[in-house]
Amino acid sequence: MGNNTDYDVYYLVGQNIKKQRKLKKMTQLQLAEKSFFSYEFIRKIESKSSCRNTFSLSTVDKIAKTLDIDIRILFNPLDE
């Protein structure tokens, strides 16, 4: 698997987390507190530049549960 594919998956999931968080009208800080991750970690996941290889599937699952959404939503194509 090449780096571009790896990067795209992390970017995709990070941007979908950001989108879903905003739809739930939550701040990064609120998501961090409810999911028991640090604000800096959530900010990094959602960042377009530094999200590569920063989180695991268990992290994605925990964030999806915190947002009360199906984890599969976080792998949907972006509407850019």
PDB file of N, CA and C in Angstrom:
ATOM      1  N   MET A   1       0.846  -1.183   0.000  1.00  0.00           N
ATOM      2  CA  MET A   1       0.000   0.000   0.000  1.00  0.00           C
ATOM      3  C   MET A   1       0.888   1.242   0.000  1.00  0.00           C
ATOM      4  N   GLY A   2       0.652   2.162  -0.902  1.00  0.00           N
ATOM      5  CA  GLY A   2       1.488   3.353  -1.012  1.00  0.00           C
ATOM      6  C   GLY A   2       1.113   4.448  -0.034  1.00  0.00           C
ATOM      7  N   ASN A   3       2.015   5.384   0.112  1.00  0.00           N
ATOM      8  CA  ASN A   3       1.789   6.491   1.034  1.00  0.00           C
ATOM      9  C   ASN A   3       0.577   7.336   0.667  1.00  0.00           C
ATOM     10  N   ASN A   4       0.322   7.541  -0.623  1.00  0.00           N
ATOM     11  CA  ASN A   4      -0.825   8.344  -1.019  1.00  0.00           C
ATOM     12  C   ASN A   4      -2.127   7.726  -0.534  1.00  0.00           C
ATOM     13  N   THR A   5      -2.264   6.419  -0.637  1.00  0.00           N
ATOM     14  CA  THR A   5      -3.459   5.739  -0.165  1.00  0.00           C
ATOM     15  C   THR A   5      -3.585   5.885   1.341  1.00  0.00           C
ATOM     16  N   ASP A   6      -2.500   5.664   2.062  1.00  0.00           N
ATOM     17  CA  ASP A   6      -2.523   5.814   3.511  1.00  0.00           C
ATOM     18  C   ASP A   6      -2.950   7.229   3.895  1.00  0.00           C
ATOM     19  N   TYR A   7      -2.335   8.197   3.267  1.00  0.00           N
ATOM     20  CA  TYR A   7      -2.639   9.590   3.577  1.00  0.00           C
ATOM     21  C   TYR A   7      -4.099   9.889   3.284  1.00  0.00           C
ATOM     22  N   ASP A   8      -4.603   9.411   2.138  1.00  0.00           N
ATOM     23  CA  ASP A   8      -5.979   9.689   1.754  1.00  0.00           C
ATOM     24  C   ASP A   8      -6.979   9.144   2.764  1.00  0.00           C
ATOM     25  N   VAL A   9      -6.727   7.970   3.295  1.00  0.00           N
ATOM     26  CA  VAL A   9      -7.644   7.385   4.270  1.00  0.00           C
ATOM     27  C   VAL A   9      -7.652   8.213   5.559  1.00  0.00           C
ATOM     28  N   TYR A  10      -6.497   8.589   6.055  1.00  0.00           N
ATOM     29  CA  TYR A  10      -6.444   9.412   7.264  1.00  0.00           C
ATOM     30  C   TYR A  10      -7.091  10.780   7.032  1.00  0.00           C
ATOM     31  N   TYR A  11      -6.804  11.360   5.887  1.00  0.00           N
ATOM     32  CA  TYR A  11      -7.392  12.653   5.546  1.00  0.00           C
ATOM     33  C   TYR A  11      -8.915  12.527   5.449  1.00  0.00           C
ATOM     34  N   LEU A  12      -9.383  11.504   4.749  1.00  0.00           N
ATOM     35  CA  LEU A  12     -10.812  11.266   4.575  1.00  0.00           C
ATOM     36  C   LEU A  12     -11.518  11.133   5.928  1.00  0.00           C
ATOM     37  N   VAL A  13     -11.003  10.282   6.779  1.00  0.00           N
ATOM     38  CA  VAL A  13     -11.623  10.051   8.080  1.00  0.00           C
ATOM     39  C   VAL A  13     -11.566  11.329   8.931  1.00  0.00           C
ATOM     40  N   GLY A  14     -10.439  11.994   8.936  1.00  0.00           N
ATOM     41  CA  GLY A  14     -10.299  13.228   9.713  1.00  0.00           C
ATOM     42  C   GLY A  14     -11.286  14.295   9.285  1.00  0.00           C
ATOM     43  N   GLN A  15     -11.463  14.457   7.982  1.00  0.00           N
ATOM     44  CA  GLN A  15     -12.402  15.466   7.484  1.00  0.00           C
ATOM     45  C   GLN A  15     -13.848  15.068   7.754  1.00  0.00           C
ATOM     46  N   ASN A  16     -14.134  13.760   7.718  1.00  0.00           N
ATOM     47  CA  ASN A  16     -15.487  13.302   8.046  1.00  0.00           C
ATOM     48  C   ASN A  16     -15.780  13.455   9.534  1.00  0.00           C
ATOM     49  N   ILE A  17     -14.782  13.262  10.375  1.00  0.00           N
ATOM     50  CA  ILE A  17     -14.960  13.508  11.813  1.00  0.00           C
ATOM     51  C   ILE A  17     -15.308  14.980  12.021  1.00  0.00           C
ATOM     52  N   LYS A  18     -14.564  15.848  11.374  1.00  0.00           N
ATOM     53  CA  LYS A  18     -14.808  17.289  11.484  1.00  0.00           C
ATOM     54  C   LYS A  18     -16.232  17.638  11.030  1.00  0.00           C
ATOM     55  N   LYS A  19     -16.637  17.079   9.891  1.00  0.00           N
ATOM     56  CA  LYS A  19     -17.977  17.341   9.352  1.00  0.00           C
ATOM     57  C   LYS A  19     -19.063  16.866  10.316  1.00  0.00           C
ATOM     58  N   GLN A  20     -18.922  15.646  10.814  1.00  0.00           N
ATOM     59  CA  GLN A  20     -19.933  15.099  11.714  1.00  0.00           C
ATOM     60  C   GLN A  20     -19.973  15.853  13.050  1.00  0.00           C
ATOM     61  N   ARG A  21     -18.813  16.252  13.523  1.00  0.00           N
ATOM     62  CA  ARG A  21     -18.748  17.029  14.776  1.00  0.00           C
ATOM     63  C   ARG A  21     -19.501  18.339  14.611  1.00  0.00           C
ATOM     64  N   LYS A  22     -19.289  19.007  13.468  1.00  0.00           N
ATOM     65  CA  LYS A  22     -19.971  20.283  13.216  1.00  0.00           C
ATOM     66  C   LYS A  22     -21.478  20.083  13.052  1.00  0.00           C
ATOM     67  N   LEU A  23     -21.880  18.981  12.417  1.00  0.00           N
ATOM     68  CA  LEU A  23     -23.311  18.688  12.287  1.00  0.00           C
ATOM     69  C   LEU A  23     -23.960  18.486  13.654  1.00  0.00           C
ATOM     70  N   LYS A  24     -23.193  17.974  14.604  1.00  0.00           N
ATOM     71  CA  LYS A  24     -23.688  17.768  15.976  1.00  0.00           C
ATOM     72  C   LYS A  24     -23.532  19.040  16.812  1.00  0.00           C
ATOM     73  N   LYS A  25     -23.036  20.118  16.170  1.00  0.00           N
ATOM     74  CA  LYS A  25     -22.812  21.408  16.838  1.00  0.00           C
ATOM     75  C   LYS A  25     -21.910  21.275  18.067  1.00  0.00           C
ATOM     76  N   MET A  26     -20.855  20.490  17.879  1.00  0.00           N
ATOM     77  CA  MET A  26     -19.863  20.295  18.945  1.00  0.00           C
ATOM     78  C   MET A  26     -18.570  20.997  18.563  1.00  0.00           C
ATOM     79  N   THR A  27     -17.874  21.500  19.564  1.00  0.00           N
ATOM     80  CA  THR A  27     -16.542  22.055  19.336  1.00  0.00           C
ATOM     81  C   THR A  27     -15.525  20.915  19.437  1.00  0.00           C
ATOM     82  N   GLN A  28     -14.315  21.179  19.006  1.00  0.00           N
ATOM     83  CA  GLN A  28     -13.250  20.186  19.168  1.00  0.00           C
ATOM     84  C   GLN A  28     -13.046  19.881  20.644  1.00  0.00           C
ATOM     85  N   LEU A  29     -13.125  20.882  21.467  1.00  0.00           N
ATOM     86  CA  LEU A  29     -12.941  20.690  22.910  1.00  0.00           C
ATOM     87  C   LEU A  29     -14.036  19.798  23.484  1.00  0.00           C
ATOM     88  N   GLN A  30     -15.277  20.021  23.076  1.00  0.00           N
ATOM     89  CA  GLN A  30     -16.377  19.183  23.562  1.00  0.00           C
ATOM     90  C   GLN A  30     -16.207  17.730  23.129  1.00  0.00           C
ATOM     91  N   LEU A  31     -15.813  17.525  21.874  1.00  0.00           N
ATOM     92  CA  LEU A  31     -15.583  16.164  21.390  1.00  0.00           C
ATOM     93  C   LEU A  31     -14.446  15.520  22.173  1.00  0.00           C
ATOM     94  N   ALA A  32     -13.401  16.274  22.405  1.00  0.00           N
ATOM     95  CA  ALA A  32     -12.253  15.755  23.161  1.00  0.00           C
ATOM     96  C   ALA A  32     -12.681  15.326  24.561  1.00  0.00           C
ATOM     97  N   GLU A  33     -13.426  16.181  25.245  1.00  0.00           N
ATOM     98  CA  GLU A  33     -13.846  15.871  26.613  1.00  0.00           C
ATOM     99  C   GLU A  33     -14.765  14.653  26.659  1.00  0.00           C
ATOM    100  N   LYS A  34     -15.702  14.566  25.718  1.00  0.00           N
ATOM    101  CA  LYS A  34     -16.659  13.455  25.723  1.00  0.00           C
ATOM    102  C   LYS A  34     -16.022  12.134  25.303  1.00  0.00           C
ATOM    103  N   SER A  35     -14.992  12.193  24.478  1.00  0.00           N
ATOM    104  CA  SER A  35     -14.342  10.960  24.013  1.00  0.00           C
ATOM    105  C   SER A  35     -13.102  10.610  24.834  1.00  0.00           C
ATOM    106  N   PHE A  36     -12.749  11.482  25.784  1.00  0.00           N
ATOM    107  CA  PHE A  36     -11.583  11.298  26.658  1.00  0.00           C
ATOM    108  C   PHE A  36     -10.255  11.314  25.898  1.00  0.00           C
ATOM    109  N   PHE A  37     -10.232  12.079  24.807  1.00  0.00           N
ATOM    110  CA  PHE A  37      -8.989  12.361  24.098  1.00  0.00           C
ATOM    111  C   PHE A  37      -8.619  13.807  24.389  1.00  0.00           C
ATOM    112  N   SER A  38      -7.383  14.171  24.152  1.00  0.00           N
ATOM    113  CA  SER A  38      -6.990  15.561  24.373  1.00  0.00           C
ATOM    114  C   SER A  38      -7.484  16.438  23.223  1.00  0.00           C
ATOM    115  N   TYR A  39      -7.671  17.703  23.529  1.00  0.00           N
ATOM    116  CA  TYR A  39      -8.061  18.671  22.505  1.00  0.00           C
ATOM    117  C   TYR A  39      -7.032  18.681  21.381  1.00  0.00           C
ATOM    118  N   GLU A  40      -5.749  18.624  21.731  1.00  0.00           N
ATOM    119  CA  GLU A  40      -4.676  18.646  20.738  1.00  0.00           C
ATOM    120  C   GLU A  40      -4.762  17.444  19.799  1.00  0.00           C
ATOM    121  N   PHE A  41      -5.143  16.295  20.348  1.00  0.00           N
ATOM    122  CA  PHE A  41      -5.270  15.080  19.542  1.00  0.00           C
ATOM    123  C   PHE A  41      -6.425  15.218  18.544  1.00  0.00           C
ATOM    124  N   ILE A  42      -7.570  15.699  18.998  1.00  0.00           N
ATOM    125  CA  ILE A  42      -8.716  15.909  18.104  1.00  0.00           C
ATOM    126  C   ILE A  42      -8.358  16.931  17.029  1.00  0.00           C
ATOM    127  N   ARG A  43      -7.699  18.003  17.420  1.00  0.00           N
ATOM    128  CA  ARG A  43      -7.290  19.039  16.469  1.00  0.00           C
ATOM    129  C   ARG A  43      -6.363  18.430  15.413  1.00  0.00           C
ATOM    130  N   LYS A  44      -5.456  17.574  15.851  1.00  0.00           N
ATOM    131  CA  LYS A  44      -4.503  16.944  14.932  1.00  0.00           C
ATOM    132  C   LYS A  44      -5.215  15.997  13.956  1.00  0.00           C
ATOM    133  N   ILE A  45      -6.170  15.232  14.452  1.00  0.00           N
ATOM    134  CA  ILE A  45      -6.932  14.322  13.588  1.00  0.00           C
ATOM    135  C   ILE A  45      -7.656  15.102  12.494  1.00  0.00           C
ATOM    136  N   GLU A  46      -8.228  16.236  12.847  1.00  0.00           N
ATOM    137  CA  GLU A  46      -9.005  17.028  11.894  1.00  0.00           C
ATOM    138  C   GLU A  46      -8.139  17.915  10.998  1.00  0.00           C
ATOM    139  N   SER A  47      -6.865  18.016  11.308  1.00  0.00           N
ATOM    140  CA  SER A  47      -5.973  18.885  10.540  1.00  0.00           C
ATOM    141  C   SER A  47      -5.698  18.294   9.168  1.00  0.00           C
ATOM    142  N   LYS A  48      -5.687  19.156   8.156  1.00  0.00           N
ATOM    143  CA  LYS A  48      -5.411  18.692   6.796  1.00  0.00           C
ATOM    144  C   LYS A  48      -3.936  18.359   6.614  1.00  0.00           C
ATOM    145  N   SER A  49      -3.079  18.948   7.417  1.00  0.00           N
ATOM    146  CA  SER A  49      -1.644  18.771   7.197  1.00  0.00           C
ATOM    147  C   SER A  49      -0.982  17.734   8.094  1.00  0.00           C
ATOM    148  N   SER A  50      -1.506  17.507   9.288  1.00  0.00           N
ATOM    149  CA  SER A  50      -0.776  16.632  10.219  1.00  0.00           C
ATOM    150  C   SER A  50      -1.571  15.411  10.665  1.00  0.00           C
ATOM    151  N   CYS A  51      -2.566  14.993   9.886  1.00  0.00           N
ATOM    152  CA  CYS A  51      -3.399  13.877  10.327  1.00  0.00           C
ATOM    153  C   CYS A  51      -2.813  12.515   9.981  1.00  0.00           C
ATOM    154  N   ARG A  52      -1.764  12.456   9.186  1.00  0.00           N
ATOM    155  CA  ARG A  52      -1.239  11.175   8.716  1.00  0.00           C
ATOM    156  C   ARG A  52      -0.718  10.296   9.847  1.00  0.00           C
ATOM    157  N   ASN A  53      -1.242   9.093   9.905  1.00  0.00           N
ATOM    158  CA  ASN A  53      -0.800   8.073  10.868  1.00  0.00           C
ATOM    159  C   ASN A  53      -0.884   8.526  12.328  1.00  0.00           C
ATOM    160  N   THR A  54      -1.946   9.216  12.676  1.00  0.00           N
ATOM    161  CA  THR A  54      -2.049   9.690  14.049  1.00  0.00           C
ATOM    162  C   THR A  54      -3.109   8.968  14.865  1.00  0.00           C
ATOM    163  N   PHE A  55      -3.876   8.074  14.233  1.00  0.00           N
ATOM    164  CA  PHE A  55      -4.946   7.427  14.986  1.00  0.00           C
ATOM    165  C   PHE A  55      -5.242   6.033  14.447  1.00  0.00           C
ATOM    166  N   SER A  56      -5.831   5.218  15.311  1.00  0.00           N
ATOM    167  CA  SER A  56      -6.123   3.819  14.981  1.00  0.00           C
ATOM    168  C   SER A  56      -7.619   3.634  14.713  1.00  0.00           C
ATOM    169  N   LEU A  57      -7.993   2.452  14.268  1.00  0.00           N
ATOM    170  CA  LEU A  57      -9.406   2.147  14.065  1.00  0.00           C
ATOM    171  C   LEU A  57     -10.174   2.175  15.384  1.00  0.00           C
ATOM    172  N   SER A  58      -9.544   1.783  16.466  1.00  0.00           N
ATOM    173  CA  SER A  58     -10.239   1.840  17.753  1.00  0.00           C
ATOM    174  C   SER A  58     -10.520   3.288  18.152  1.00  0.00           C
ATOM    175  N   THR A  59      -9.622   4.197  17.782  1.00  0.00           N
ATOM    176  CA  THR A  59      -9.847   5.626  18.015  1.00  0.00           C
ATOM    177  C   THR A  59     -11.033   6.103  17.187  1.00  0.00           C
ATOM    178  N   VAL A  60     -11.065   5.722  15.921  1.00  0.00           N
ATOM    179  CA  VAL A  60     -12.166   6.111  15.036  1.00  0.00           C
ATOM    180  C   VAL A  60     -13.485   5.577  15.585  1.00  0.00           C
ATOM    181  N   ASP A  61     -13.482   4.342  16.055  1.00  0.00           N
ATOM    182  CA  ASP A  61     -14.683   3.733  16.626  1.00  0.00           C
ATOM    183  C   ASP A  61     -15.151   4.509  17.857  1.00  0.00           C
ATOM    184  N   LYS A  62     -14.226   4.869  18.710  1.00  0.00           N
ATOM    185  CA  LYS A  62     -14.570   5.610  19.926  1.00  0.00           C
ATOM    186  C   LYS A  62     -15.154   6.982  19.585  1.00  0.00           C
ATOM    187  N   ILE A  63     -14.581   7.649  18.595  1.00  0.00           N
ATOM    188  CA  ILE A  63     -15.087   8.962  18.179  1.00  0.00           C
ATOM    189  C   ILE A  63     -16.474   8.815  17.550  1.00  0.00           C
ATOM    190  N   ALA A  64     -16.660   7.784  16.726  1.00  0.00           N
ATOM    191  CA  ALA A  64     -17.979   7.540  16.114  1.00  0.00           C
ATOM    192  C   ALA A  64     -19.033   7.318  17.190  1.00  0.00           C
ATOM    193  N   LYS A  65     -18.699   6.543  18.196  1.00  0.00           N
ATOM    194  CA  LYS A  65     -19.648   6.295  19.296  1.00  0.00           C
ATOM    195  C   LYS A  65     -19.933   7.582  20.060  1.00  0.00           C
ATOM    196  N   THR A  66     -18.912   8.396  20.261  1.00  0.00           N
ATOM    197  CA  THR A  66     -19.101   9.671  20.950  1.00  0.00           C
ATOM    198  C   THR A  66     -20.028  10.583  20.148  1.00  0.00           C
ATOM    199  N   LEU A  67     -19.871  10.562  18.829  1.00  0.00           N
ATOM    200  CA  LEU A  67     -20.720  11.374  17.951  1.00  0.00           C
ATOM    201  C   LEU A  67     -22.086  10.720  17.706  1.00  0.00           C
ATOM    202  N   ASP A  68     -22.258   9.493  18.192  1.00  0.00           N
ATOM    203  CA  ASP A  68     -23.494   8.736  18.030  1.00  0.00           C
ATOM    204  C   ASP A  68     -23.823   8.520  16.547  1.00  0.00           C
ATOM    205  N   ILE A  69     -22.807   8.066  15.810  1.00  0.00           N
ATOM    206  CA  ILE A  69     -22.978   7.770  14.384  1.00  0.00           C
ATOM    207  C   ILE A  69     -22.390   6.399  14.077  1.00  0.00           C
ATOM    208  N   ASP A  70     -22.790   5.841  12.949  1.00  0.00           N
ATOM    209  CA  ASP A  70     -22.232   4.584  12.466  1.00  0.00           C
ATOM    210  C   ASP A  70     -20.806   4.869  11.977  1.00  0.00           C
ATOM    211  N   ILE A  71     -19.859   4.052  12.371  1.00  0.00           N
ATOM    212  CA  ILE A  71     -18.453   4.267  11.990  1.00  0.00           C
ATOM    213  C   ILE A  71     -18.280   4.347  10.478  1.00  0.00           C
ATOM    214  N   ARG A  72     -19.121   3.654   9.727  1.00  0.00           N
ATOM    215  CA  ARG A  72     -18.993   3.647   8.265  1.00  0.00           C
ATOM    216  C   ARG A  72     -19.154   5.042   7.656  1.00  0.00           C
ATOM    217  N   ILE A  73     -19.898   5.914   8.328  1.00  0.00           N
ATOM    218  CA  ILE A  73     -20.087   7.288   7.838  1.00  0.00           C
ATOM    219  C   ILE A  73     -18.740   8.001   7.721  1.00  0.00           C
ATOM    220  N   LEU A  74     -17.810   7.658   8.593  1.00  0.00           N
ATOM    221  CA  LEU A  74     -16.516   8.334   8.608  1.00  0.00           C
ATOM    222  C   LEU A  74     -15.617   7.918   7.444  1.00  0.00           C
ATOM    223  N   PHE A  75     -16.057   6.930   6.681  1.00  0.00           N
ATOM    224  CA  PHE A  75     -15.301   6.484   5.509  1.00  0.00           C
ATOM    225  C   PHE A  75     -15.990   6.862   4.193  1.00  0.00           C
ATOM    226  N   ASN A  76     -17.072   7.661   4.290  1.00  0.00           N
ATOM    227  CA  ASN A  76     -17.779   8.119   3.096  1.00  0.00           C
ATOM    228  C   ASN A  76     -16.912   9.082   2.295  1.00  0.00           C
ATOM    229  N   PRO A  77     -17.071   9.099   0.973  1.00  0.00           N
ATOM    230  CA  PRO A  77     -16.338  10.073   0.150  1.00  0.00           C
ATOM    231  C   PRO A  77     -16.697  11.502   0.579  1.00  0.00           C
ATOM    232  N   LEU A  78     -15.730  12.395   0.440  1.00  0.00           N
ATOM    233  CA  LEU A  78     -15.952  13.803   0.809  1.00  0.00           C
ATOM    234  C   LEU A  78     -16.763  14.516  -0.262  1.00  0.00           C
ATOM    235  N   ASP A  79     -17.526  15.506   0.156  1.00  0.00           N
ATOM    236  CA  ASP A  79     -18.356  16.302  -0.766  1.00  0.00           C
ATOM    237  C   ASP A  79     -17.631  17.555  -1.233  1.00  0.00           C
ATOM    238  N   GLU A  80     -16.344  17.463  -1.512  1.00  0.00           N
ATOM    239  CA  GLU A  80     -15.573  18.659  -1.833  1.00  0.00           C
ATOM    240  C   GLU A  80     -15.759  19.124  -3.243  1.00  0.00           C
TER     241      GLU A  80
END
